[in-house]
C-alpha atoms as a PDB file:
ATOM      1  CA  MET A   1     107.934 118.778 113.818  1.00  0.00           C
ATOM      2  CA  ALA A   2     106.816 122.059 114.894  1.00  0.00           C
ATOM      3  CA  GLY A   3     109.573 124.840 115.972  1.00  0.00           C
ATOM      4  CA  ASP A   4     113.165 125.264 114.773  1.00  0.00           C
ATOM      5  CA  PRO A   5     115.517 122.077 114.150  1.00  0.00           C
ATOM      6  CA  VAL A   6     117.888 121.188 117.314  1.00  0.00           C
ATOM      7  CA  THR A   7     121.416 122.351 116.735  1.00  0.00           C
ATOM      8  CA  CYS A   8     123.707 118.810 117.617  1.00  0.00           C
ATOM      9  CA  GLY A   9     127.658 119.041 117.989  1.00  0.00           C
ATOM     10  CA  THR A  10     130.005 116.135 117.766  1.00  0.00           C
ATOM     11  CA  ARG A  11     130.265 113.596 120.294  1.00  0.00           C
ATOM     12  CA  GLY A  12     133.856 114.613 121.299  1.00  0.00           C
ATOM     13  CA  ARG A  13     135.556 117.008 123.243  1.00  0.00           C
ATOM     14  CA  ARG A  14     138.363 119.298 122.987  1.00  0.00           C
ATOM     15  CA  SER A  15     141.374 118.520 124.847  1.00  0.00           C
ATOM     16  CA  GLY A  16     140.474 122.009 126.668  1.00  0.00           C
ATOM     17  CA  GLY A  17     137.669 120.642 128.114  1.00  0.00           C
ATOM     18  CA  GLY A  18     134.719 122.404 125.645  1.00  0.00           C
ATOM     19  CA  PRO A  19     132.728 121.127 123.442  1.00  0.00           C
ATOM     20  CA  THR A  20     134.059 120.800 120.024  1.00  0.00           C
ATOM     21  CA  PRO A  21     132.017 123.389 117.755  1.00  0.00           C
ATOM     22  CA  PRO A  22     130.326 121.314 115.036  1.00  0.00           C
ATOM     23  CA  ARG A  23     132.266 121.264 111.664  1.00  0.00           C
ATOM     24  CA  SER A  24     129.477 122.550 109.658  1.00  0.00           C
ATOM     25  CA  LEU A  25     130.529 126.308 111.786  1.00  0.00           C
ATOM     26  CA  CYS A  26     134.351 126.045 111.831  1.00  0.00           C
ATOM     27  CA  GLY A  27     135.654 128.297 109.298  1.00  0.00           C
ATOM     28  CA  VAL A  28     134.087 130.982 106.378  1.00  0.00           C
ATOM     29  CA  ASN A  29     134.487 130.687 103.048  1.00  0.00           C
ATOM     30  CA  GLU A  30     132.151 132.503 100.699  1.00  0.00           C
ATOM     31  CA  ARG A  31     131.007 130.690  97.549  1.00  0.00           C
ATOM     32  CA  ALA A  32     133.501 128.051  97.027  1.00  0.00           C
ATOM     33  CA  TRP A  33     131.175 126.037  94.959  1.00  0.00           C
ATOM     34  CA  ASP A  34     131.631 129.743  92.398  1.00  0.00           C
ATOM     35  CA  ARG A  35     134.866 128.201  91.257  1.00  0.00           C
ATOM     36  CA  ASP A  36     135.859 126.038  88.451  1.00  0.00           C
ATOM     37  CA  THR A  37     138.289 123.991  91.000  1.00  0.00           C
ATOM     38  CA  LEU A  38     136.492 121.430  93.426  1.00  0.00           C
ATOM     39  CA  PRO A  39     136.686 122.797  97.421  1.00  0.00           C
ATOM     40  CA  GLU A  40     138.523 119.749  99.347  1.00  0.00           C
ATOM     41  CA  GLY A  41     138.305 119.438 103.281  1.00  0.00           C
ATOM     42  CA  GLN A  42     137.015 122.026 105.890  1.00  0.00           C
ATOM     43  CA  GLU A  43     136.301 124.266 103.095  1.00  0.00           C
ATOM     44  CA  LYS A  44     134.249 121.935 101.122  1.00  0.00           C
ATOM     45  CA  VAL A  45     132.300 121.304 104.413  1.00  0.00           C
ATOM     46  CA  VAL A  46     131.119 124.957 104.843  1.00  0.00           C
ATOM     47  CA  ALA A  47     131.044 125.101 100.891  1.00  0.00           C
ATOM     48  CA  VAL A  48     128.186 122.520 100.786  1.00  0.00           C
ATOM     49  CA  ARG A  49     126.259 123.922 103.864  1.00  0.00           C
ATOM     50  CA  GLN A  50     126.315 127.662 102.518  1.00  0.00           C
ATOM     51  CA  MET A  51     125.144 126.305  99.128  1.00  0.00           C
ATOM     52  CA  PHE A  52     122.403 124.142 100.133  1.00  0.00           C
ATOM     53  CA  ASP A  53     120.944 126.783 102.326  1.00  0.00           C
ATOM     54  CA  ALA A  54     121.078 129.154  99.555  1.00  0.00           C
ATOM     55  CA  ILE A  55     119.304 126.717  97.088  1.00  0.00           C
ATOM     56  CA  ALA A  56     116.738 125.356  99.284  1.00  0.00           C
ATOM     57  CA  PRO A  57     113.877 127.448  98.750  1.00  0.00           C
ATOM     58  CA  ARG A  58     113.567 126.248  95.331  1.00  0.00           C
ATOM     59  CA  TYR A  59     115.117 122.462  95.254  1.00  0.00           C
ATOM     60  CA  ASP A  60     112.032 120.448  95.179  1.00  0.00           C
ATOM     61  CA  MET A  61     111.062 122.600  91.995  1.00  0.00           C
ATOM     62  CA  VAL A  62     114.359 122.341  90.514  1.00  0.00           C
ATOM     63  CA  ASN A  63     114.730 118.544  91.360  1.00  0.00           C
ATOM     64  CA  ARG A  64     111.325 117.606  89.950  1.00  0.00           C
ATOM     65  CA  ILE A  65     111.824 119.512  86.720  1.00  0.00           C
ATOM     66  CA  MET A  66     115.566 118.591  85.977  1.00  0.00           C
ATOM     67  CA  THR A  67     114.918 115.180  86.407  1.00  0.00           C
ATOM     68  CA  PHE A  68     111.522 114.786  85.188  1.00  0.00           C
ATOM     69  CA  ARG A  69     110.047 113.481  88.283  1.00  0.00           C
ATOM     70  CA  LEU A  70     112.324 110.384  88.331  1.00  0.00           C
ATOM     71  CA  ASP A  71     113.597 111.598  91.511  1.00  0.00           C
ATOM     72  CA  VAL A  72     110.397 110.334  93.410  1.00  0.00           C
ATOM     73  CA  ARG A  73     110.783 107.132  91.945  1.00  0.00           C
ATOM     74  CA  TRP A  74     114.307 106.611  92.768  1.00  0.00           C
ATOM     75  CA  ARG A  75     113.611 107.464  96.710  1.00  0.00           C
ATOM     76  CA  ARG A  76     110.817 105.100  96.659  1.00  0.00           C
ATOM     77  CA  THR A  77     112.871 102.697  95.260  1.00  0.00           C
ATOM     78  CA  ALA A  78     115.236 103.302  97.953  1.00  0.00           C
ATOM     79  CA  VAL A  79     112.731 102.914 100.921  1.00  0.00           C
ATOM     80  CA  LYS A  80     111.278  99.635  99.109  1.00  0.00           C
ATOM     81  CA  ARG A  81     114.890  97.981  99.072  1.00  0.00           C
ATOM     82  CA  LEU A  82     115.451  99.133 102.865  1.00  0.00           C
ATOM     83  CA  ALA A  83     112.842  96.777 103.454  1.00  0.00           C
ATOM     84  CA  LEU A  84     112.349  97.239 106.895  1.00  0.00           C
ATOM     85  CA  PRO A  85     109.064  96.872 108.679  1.00  0.00           C
ATOM     86  CA  ALA A  86     106.342  99.314 109.645  1.00  0.00           C
ATOM     87  CA  GLY A  87     107.248 100.840 113.097  1.00  0.00           C
ATOM     88  CA  SER A  88     111.261 101.092 112.380  1.00  0.00           C
ATOM     89  CA  THR A  89     113.099 104.196 113.645  1.00  0.00           C
ATOM     90  CA  VAL A  90     115.056 105.284 110.456  1.00  0.00           C
ATOM     91  CA  LEU A  91     117.600 108.284 110.526  1.00  0.00           C
ATOM     92  CA  ASP A  92     117.280 110.043 107.009  1.00  0.00           C
ATOM     93  CA  LEU A  93     120.692 111.954 106.526  1.00  0.00           C
ATOM     94  CA  ALA A  94     121.429 114.916 104.408  1.00  0.00           C
ATOM     95  CA  SER A  95     117.504 114.739 104.385  1.00  0.00           C
ATOM     96  CA  GLY A  96     117.219 118.009 102.736  1.00  0.00           C
ATOM     97  CA  THR A  97     113.526 118.927 102.314  1.00  0.00           C
ATOM     98  CA  GLY A  98     112.584 115.689 103.903  1.00  0.00           C
ATOM     99  CA  ASP A  99     111.323 113.901 100.584  1.00  0.00           C
ATOM    100  CA  LEU A 100     112.679 110.635 102.257  1.00  0.00           C
ATOM    101  CA  CYS A 101     111.263 111.185 105.433  1.00  0.00           C
ATOM    102  CA  ILE A 102     107.749 111.457 103.744  1.00  0.00           C
ATOM    103  CA  ASP A 103     108.137 108.691 101.873  1.00  0.00           C
ATOM    104  CA  LEU A 104     109.390 106.467 105.412  1.00  0.00           C
ATOM    105  CA  ALA A 105     106.544 107.874 107.388  1.00  0.00           C
ATOM    106  CA  ARG A 106     104.056 106.355 103.806  1.00  0.00           C
ATOM    107  CA  ALA A 107     105.898 103.288 104.670  1.00  0.00           C
ATOM    108  CA  GLY A 108     104.889 102.814 108.014  1.00  0.00           C
ATOM    109  CA  MET A 109     108.326 103.581 109.616  1.00  0.00           C
ATOM    110  CA  ARG A 110     109.327 106.632 111.895  1.00  0.00           C
ATOM    111  CA  PRO A 111     111.665 108.888 110.131  1.00  0.00           C
ATOM    112  CA  LEU A 112     114.550 111.097 112.103  1.00  0.00           C
ATOM    113  CA  SER A 113     115.747 113.829 109.617  1.00  0.00           C
ATOM    114  CA  ALA A 114     119.353 115.200 110.048  1.00  0.00           C
ATOM    115  CA  ASP A 115     120.942 117.704 107.616  1.00  0.00           C
ATOM    116  CA  LEU A 116     124.021 120.082 107.651  1.00  0.00           C
ATOM    117  CA  SER A 117     122.234 123.208 105.931  1.00  0.00           C
ATOM    118  CA  PHE A 118     119.808 125.020 108.343  1.00  0.00           C
ATOM    119  CA  GLY A 119     117.988 126.264 105.544  1.00  0.00           C
ATOM    120  CA  MET A 120     117.446 122.672 104.508  1.00  0.00           C
ATOM    121  CA  LEU A 121     115.603 121.808 107.518  1.00  0.00           C
ATOM    122  CA  SER A 122     113.990 125.149 107.730  1.00  0.00           C
ATOM    123  CA  ALA A 123     112.352 123.856 104.649  1.00  0.00           C
ATOM    124  CA  ASP A 124     111.464 120.427 105.379  1.00  0.00           C
ATOM    125  CA  ARG A 125     107.718 119.870 105.160  1.00  0.00           C
ATOM    126  CA  SER A 126     107.889 116.097 106.442  1.00  0.00           C
ATOM    127  CA  GLY A 127     106.928 116.525 109.819  1.00  0.00           C
ATOM    128  CA  ALA A 128     109.684 114.781 111.237  1.00  0.00           C
ATOM    129  CA  PRO A 129     111.724 114.965 114.309  1.00  0.00           C
ATOM    130  CA  ARG A 130     114.867 117.380 112.764  1.00  0.00           C
ATOM    131  CA  ILE A 131     118.793 117.731 113.906  1.00  0.00           C
ATOM    132  CA  GLN A 132     121.445 120.113 112.403  1.00  0.00           C
ATOM    133  CA  ALA A 133     124.625 117.722 112.665  1.00  0.00           C
ATOM    134  CA  ASP A 134     127.643 116.962 111.431  1.00  0.00           C
ATOM    135  CA  ILE A 135     126.486 113.652 109.446  1.00  0.00           C
ATOM    136  CA  LEU A 136     130.192 112.531 110.274  1.00  0.00           C
ATOM    137  CA  ASN A 137     129.654 112.720 113.880  1.00  0.00           C
ATOM    138  CA  LEU A 138     126.254 111.717 114.622  1.00  0.00           C
ATOM    139  CA  PRO A 139     124.824 112.999 118.048  1.00  0.00           C
ATOM    140  CA  VAL A 140     123.089 109.498 118.504  1.00  0.00           C
ATOM    141  CA  PRO A 141     123.792 106.872 120.537  1.00  0.00           C
ATOM    142  CA  ASP A 142     125.491 103.148 119.226  1.00  0.00           C
ATOM    143  CA  GLY A 143     123.020 100.662 118.064  1.00  0.00           C
ATOM    144  CA  ALA A 144     120.328 103.151 118.401  1.00  0.00           C
ATOM    145  CA  VAL A 145     118.289 103.493 115.023  1.00  0.00           C
ATOM    146  CA  ASP A 146     116.955 100.304 112.762  1.00  0.00           C
ATOM    147  CA  GLY A 147     117.787 101.998 109.380  1.00  0.00           C
ATOM    148  CA  VAL A 148     119.796 104.690 107.865  1.00  0.00           C
ATOM    149  CA  THR A 149     118.674 106.111 104.969  1.00  0.00           C
ATOM    150  CA  CYS A 150     120.741 109.139 102.377  1.00  0.00           C
ATOM    151  CA  GLY A 151     119.745 110.567  99.217  1.00  0.00           C
ATOM    152  CA  PHE A 152     122.081 112.282  96.769  1.00  0.00           C
ATOM    153  CA  ALA A 153     125.007 113.231  99.194  1.00  0.00           C
ATOM    154  CA  LEU A 154     127.427 110.921  99.478  1.00  0.00           C
ATOM    155  CA  ARG A 155     129.505 113.250  97.299  1.00  0.00           C
ATOM    156  CA  ASN A 156     129.082 115.997  99.223  1.00  0.00           C
ATOM    157  CA  LEU A 157     131.111 114.415 102.234  1.00  0.00           C
ATOM    158  CA  VAL A 158     134.267 114.853 102.732  1.00  0.00           C
ATOM    159  CA  ASP A 159     135.281 111.188 104.055  1.00  0.00           C
ATOM    160  CA  LEU A 160     133.046 108.549 102.825  1.00  0.00           C
ATOM    161  CA  PRO A 161     134.872 105.413 104.746  1.00  0.00           C
ATOM    162  CA  ALA A 162     134.369 107.583 107.628  1.00  0.00           C
ATOM    163  CA  PHE A 163     130.656 108.096 107.003  1.00  0.00           C
ATOM    164  CA  PHE A 164     130.070 104.397 106.220  1.00  0.00           C
ATOM    165  CA  THR A 165     131.886 103.705 110.041  1.00  0.00           C
ATOM    166  CA  GLU A 166     129.496 105.806 111.638  1.00  0.00           C
ATOM    167  CA  LEU A 167     126.590 103.938 109.976  1.00  0.00           C
ATOM    168  CA  GLY A 168     128.118 101.187 111.066  1.00  0.00           C
ATOM    169  CA  ARG A 169     127.898 102.549 114.750  1.00  0.00           C
ATOM    170  CA  VAL A 170     124.320 103.986 114.335  1.00  0.00           C
ATOM    171  CA  VAL A 171     122.767 101.177 113.056  1.00  0.00           C
ATOM    172  CA  ARG A 172     121.657  98.359 115.176  1.00  0.00           C
ATOM    173  CA  PRO A 173     122.744  94.708 114.531  1.00  0.00           C
ATOM    174  CA  GLY A 174     120.057  93.284 111.745  1.00  0.00           C
ATOM    175  CA  GLY A 175     119.613  96.816 110.682  1.00  0.00           C
ATOM    176  CA  ARG A 176     119.665  98.416 107.076  1.00  0.00           C
ATOM    177  CA  ILE A 177     121.119 100.932 104.789  1.00  0.00           C
ATOM    178  CA  ALA A 178     119.685 102.332 101.165  1.00  0.00           C
ATOM    179  CA  LEU A 179     121.993 105.038 100.012  1.00  0.00           C
ATOM    180  CA  LEU A 180     121.248 106.873  96.858  1.00  0.00           C
ATOM    181  CA  ASP A 181     123.583 109.012  94.678  1.00  0.00           C
ATOM    182  CA  VAL A 182     123.696 109.976  90.997  1.00  0.00           C
ATOM    183  CA  GLY A 183     125.482 107.314  88.957  1.00  0.00           C
ATOM    184  CA  VAL A 184     127.880 107.057  85.769  1.00  0.00           C
ATOM    185  CA  PRO A 185     126.236 105.112  83.514  1.00  0.00           C
ATOM    186  CA  ARG A 186     127.601 102.081  81.937  1.00  0.00           C
ATOM    187  CA  ASN A 187     125.713 101.974  78.530  1.00  0.00           C
ATOM    188  CA  PRO A 188     128.107 104.156  76.420  1.00  0.00           C
ATOM    189  CA  LEU A 189     125.576 106.139  74.790  1.00  0.00           C
ATOM    190  CA  ILE A 190     123.360 106.823  78.046  1.00  0.00           C
ATOM    191  CA  ARG A 191     126.360 107.911  79.646  1.00  0.00           C
ATOM    192  CA  TRP A 192     127.437 110.426  76.419  1.00  0.00           C
ATOM    193  CA  GLY A 193     123.637 111.488  76.597  1.00  0.00           C
ATOM    194  CA  ASN A 194     123.951 112.086  80.569  1.00  0.00           C
ATOM    195  CA  SER A 195     127.244 113.940  80.427  1.00  0.00           C
ATOM    196  CA  ILE A 196     125.686 116.355  78.188  1.00  0.00           C
ATOM    197  CA  TYR A 197     122.166 116.693  79.782  1.00  0.00           C
ATOM    198  CA  PHE A 198     124.018 116.853  83.391  1.00  0.00           C
ATOM    199  CA  GLY A 199     126.625 119.116  82.359  1.00  0.00           C
ATOM    200  CA  ARG A 200     125.237 121.228  80.480  1.00  0.00           C
ATOM    201  CA  ILE A 201     121.598 121.522  80.582  1.00  0.00           C
ATOM    202  CA  VAL A 202     120.996 121.225  84.378  1.00  0.00           C
ATOM    203  CA  PRO A 203     123.433 124.069  85.152  1.00  0.00           C
ATOM    204  CA  ARG A 204     121.225 126.032  82.661  1.00  0.00           C
ATOM    205  CA  ILE A 205     117.562 124.992  84.378  1.00  0.00           C
ATOM    206  CA  GLY A 206     119.543 125.818  87.718  1.00  0.00           C
ATOM    207  CA  GLY A 207     120.608 128.996  86.470  1.00  0.00           C
ATOM    208  CA  LEU A 208     117.085 130.342  85.253  1.00  0.00           C
ATOM    209  CA  LEU A 209     115.350 129.012  88.489  1.00  0.00           C
ATOM    210  CA  SER A 210     117.929 129.149  91.423  1.00  0.00           C
ATOM    211  CA  ASP A 211     121.457 129.682  91.630  1.00  0.00           C
ATOM    212  CA  GLY A 212     123.323 129.023  88.592  1.00  0.00           C
ATOM    213  CA  PRO A 213     127.016 128.213  89.939  1.00  0.00           C
ATOM    214  CA  ALA A 214     125.172 125.805  92.657  1.00  0.00           C
ATOM    215  CA  TYR A 215     123.762 123.657  89.632  1.00  0.00           C
ATOM    216  CA  ARG A 216     127.204 124.179  88.057  1.00  0.00           C
ATOM    217  CA  TYR A 217     129.365 122.595  90.852  1.00  0.00           C
ATOM    218  CA  LEU A 218     126.492 119.793  91.486  1.00  0.00           C
ATOM    219  CA  PRO A 219     127.462 117.801  87.796  1.00  0.00           C
ATOM    220  CA  ARG A 220     130.937 118.707  88.575  1.00  0.00           C
ATOM    221  CA  SER A 221     130.754 116.672  92.330  1.00  0.00           C
ATOM    222  CA  VAL A 222     130.223 113.188  90.709  1.00  0.00           C
ATOM    223  CA  ALA A 223     134.397 113.443  90.466  1.00  0.00           C
ATOM    224  CA  TYR A 224     134.491 113.228  94.246  1.00  0.00           C
ATOM    225  CA  LEU A 225     132.688 109.671  94.295  1.00  0.00           C
ATOM    226  CA  PRO A 226     134.488 106.677  94.363  1.00  0.00           C
ATOM    227  CA  SER A 227     133.946 103.653  92.394  1.00  0.00           C
ATOM    228  CA  PRO A 228     131.146 101.662  93.191  1.00  0.00           C
ATOM    229  CA  GLU A 229     133.657  98.697  93.750  1.00  0.00           C
ATOM    230  CA  GLN A 230     136.163 100.624  96.473  1.00  0.00           C
ATOM    231  CA  MET A 231     132.391 102.172  98.031  1.00  0.00           C
ATOM    232  CA  LEU A 232     131.139  98.469  98.426  1.00  0.00           C
ATOM    233  CA  ALA A 233     134.553  97.642 100.096  1.00  0.00           C
ATOM    234  CA  ASP A 234     134.479 100.519 102.478  1.00  0.00           C
ATOM    235  CA  LEU A 235     130.581  99.283 103.288  1.00  0.00           C
ATOM    236  CA  ARG A 236     131.353  96.081 103.985  1.00  0.00           C
ATOM    237  CA  ALA A 237     134.434  96.890 106.140  1.00  0.00           C
ATOM    238  CA  ALA A 238     132.171  99.513 108.103  1.00  0.00           C
ATOM    239  CA  GLY A 239     129.908  96.227 108.819  1.00  0.00           C
ATOM    240  CA  PHE A 240     127.845  95.601 106.265  1.00  0.00           C
ATOM    241  CA  SER A 241     129.080  92.615 104.953  1.00  0.00           C
ATOM    242  CA  ASP A 242     126.180  91.828 102.075  1.00  0.00           C
ATOM    243  CA  ALA A 243     126.321  95.507 100.551  1.00  0.00           C
ATOM    244  CA  SER A 244     125.460  95.676  97.109  1.00  0.00           C
ATOM    245  CA  HIS A 245     125.501  97.779  94.380  1.00  0.00           C
ATOM    246  CA  HIS A 246     122.193  98.977  91.820  1.00  0.00           C
ATOM    247  CA  GLN A 247     122.079 100.683  88.969  1.00  0.00           C
ATOM    248  CA  LEU A 248     118.678 102.797  88.426  1.00  0.00           C
ATOM    249  CA  SER A 249     117.089 104.133  85.322  1.00  0.00           C
ATOM    250  CA  GLY A 250     119.816 102.611  83.149  1.00  0.00           C
ATOM    251  CA  GLY A 251     123.066 103.666  85.942  1.00  0.00           C
ATOM    252  CA  LEU A 252     121.531 107.401  85.906  1.00  0.00           C
ATOM    253  CA  THR A 253     121.390 106.755  89.733  1.00  0.00           C
ATOM    254  CA  GLN A 254     122.820 104.192  91.834  1.00  0.00           C
ATOM    255  CA  LEU A 255     121.547 102.812  94.960  1.00  0.00           C
ATOM    256  CA  MET A 256     123.544 100.886  97.605  1.00  0.00           C
ATOM    257  CA  VAL A 257     122.210  98.862 100.328  1.00  0.00           C
ATOM    258  CA  GLY A 258     123.238  96.446 102.892  1.00  0.00           C
ATOM    259  CA  THR A 259     122.537  94.902 106.550  1.00  0.00           C
ATOM    260  CA  ARG A 260     124.199  95.707 109.657  1.00  0.00           C
ATOM    261  CA  ARG A 261     125.821  92.483 111.024  1.00  0.00           C
END
């Protein structure tokens, strides 16, 4: 979409009557991702926004290099498993530079792009309508979309159960979700190799091509993710009773899909 992304606050209002400011704009904490300890709560929200603003210009290039273009295959698999017909309206959350939106459009769907980071939205090349928003409190009416996708952002959220509940609110009954993130391989040998590559090599690639501390944070951020069993339980509690979990590429990436009941 031509022009600047629309900025949207939360749906609620404060007791004083004024609009509640977006969580993404509350507080300031410069480069919290530089530290060895992982940020939590509001500090994490601000740190994630600032970090993705910083790495947006070279984000796609670094992703392609460090995944050997497997990220392209993973996103296409997510769109296929979403299993929605052409013409469906799909909200892509934490949309980044718009890769998933491009794949959704190629499948004949109508994507909408939402992200916390202005830097990422500015780098979006999908042409989809864009909004800057806190995806835990979306400026979207109940049951307004046919589906939701989210690529590699679950570990960056401060409250996954609340996020899944929000998905249950905005997706219509019968609608679908497809959520991608990094995984922990079950095979011990693959898990060992992945820990070496993701934990040691990826930060060096990121340091050479982009922001070194950001790419040291990203491997460590896997620690934020609950177990697949816990995430499935939370998704089912949010109204996706058939939610299922799938390992891609030997478990390097995980995909969760489900239908809103």
